[in-house]
């Protein structure tokens, strides 16, 4: 295996771990958002929901990057 291939594997592995962290953060924000919305802080809940949307969009891009690295 070439050094370049090893580097791509290591990069994909690191991105995968970051993606798992991103999913965990999204789940935590979702729980906080639900609690905020249920307890009268709907504007804060809306901001948290917007943050979750950003996490989701970025997670999709990270997933695509991981797949490209693993296929190359």
Protein backbone atom coordinates (compact mmCIF):
# COMPACT_ATOMS: atom_id res chain seq x y z
CA UNK A 1 0.00 0.00 0.00
CA UNK A 2 1.41 3.37 -0.94
CA UNK A 3 1.90 6.24 1.46
CA UNK A 4 -0.76 8.23 -0.42
CA UNK A 5 -3.27 5.41 0.05
CA UNK A 6 -2.42 5.16 3.75
CA UNK A 7 -2.92 8.90 4.06
CA UNK A 8 -6.32 8.71 2.38
CA UNK A 9 -7.40 5.89 4.68
CA UNK A 10 -6.26 7.81 7.76
CA UNK A 11 -8.05 10.93 6.55
CA UNK A 12 -11.25 9.00 5.85
CA UNK A 13 -11.05 7.36 9.28
CA UNK A 14 -10.59 10.74 10.99
CA UNK A 15 -13.47 12.24 9.02
CA UNK A 16 -15.64 9.28 9.99
CA UNK A 17 -14.95 9.93 13.67
CA UNK A 18 -15.75 13.62 13.20
CA UNK A 19 -18.97 12.65 11.45
CA UNK A 20 -19.94 10.46 14.41
CA UNK A 21 -19.28 13.43 16.71
CA UNK A 22 -21.39 15.62 14.45
CA UNK A 23 -24.30 13.18 14.67
CA UNK A 24 -23.97 13.10 18.47
CA UNK A 25 -24.00 16.89 18.64
CA UNK A 26 -27.05 17.03 16.40
CA UNK A 27 -28.87 14.58 18.66
CA UNK A 28 -28.01 16.64 21.74
CA UNK A 29 -29.11 19.88 20.08
CA UNK A 30 -32.34 18.19 19.02
CA UNK A 31 -33.08 17.22 22.62
CA UNK A 32 -32.35 20.74 23.87
CA UNK A 33 -34.45 22.22 21.07
CA UNK A 34 -37.39 20.03 21.99
CA UNK A 35 -37.10 21.01 25.65
CA UNK A 36 -36.78 24.71 24.83
CA UNK A 37 -39.79 24.64 22.53
CA UNK A 38 -41.88 22.81 25.12
CA UNK A 39 -40.90 25.30 27.83
CA UNK A 40 -41.77 28.55 26.10
CA UNK A 41 -38.45 29.49 24.55
CA UNK A 42 -39.56 29.04 20.98
CA UNK A 43 -37.24 31.69 19.53
CA UNK A 44 -34.21 30.00 21.10
CA UNK A 45 -35.58 26.68 19.90
CA UNK A 46 -35.81 28.06 16.37
CA UNK A 47 -32.16 29.11 16.50
CA UNK A 48 -31.17 25.67 17.74
CA UNK A 49 -33.19 24.11 14.92
CA UNK A 50 -31.27 26.23 12.41
CA UNK A 51 -28.03 24.94 13.91
CA UNK A 52 -29.26 21.38 13.46
CA UNK A 53 -30.00 22.07 9.80
CA UNK A 54 -26.42 23.28 9.34
CA UNK A 55 -25.08 20.14 11.02
CA UNK A 56 -27.22 18.00 8.72
CA UNK A 57 -26.02 19.77 5.57
CA UNK A 58 -22.40 19.52 6.64
CA UNK A 59 -22.80 15.87 7.60
CA UNK A 60 -23.95 15.11 4.07
CA UNK A 61 -20.88 16.83 2.60
CA UNK A 62 -18.56 15.07 5.04
CA UNK A 63 -20.14 11.72 4.14
CA UNK A 64 -19.56 12.41 0.43
CA UNK A 65 -15.93 13.36 1.09
CA UNK A 66 -15.40 10.16 3.07
CA UNK A 67 -16.87 8.09 0.25
CA UNK A 68 -14.64 9.81 -2.34
CA UNK A 69 -11.54 9.17 -0.22
CA UNK A 70 -12.42 5.53 0.33
CA UNK A 71 -13.11 4.97 -3.39
CA UNK A 72 -9.88 6.57 -4.59
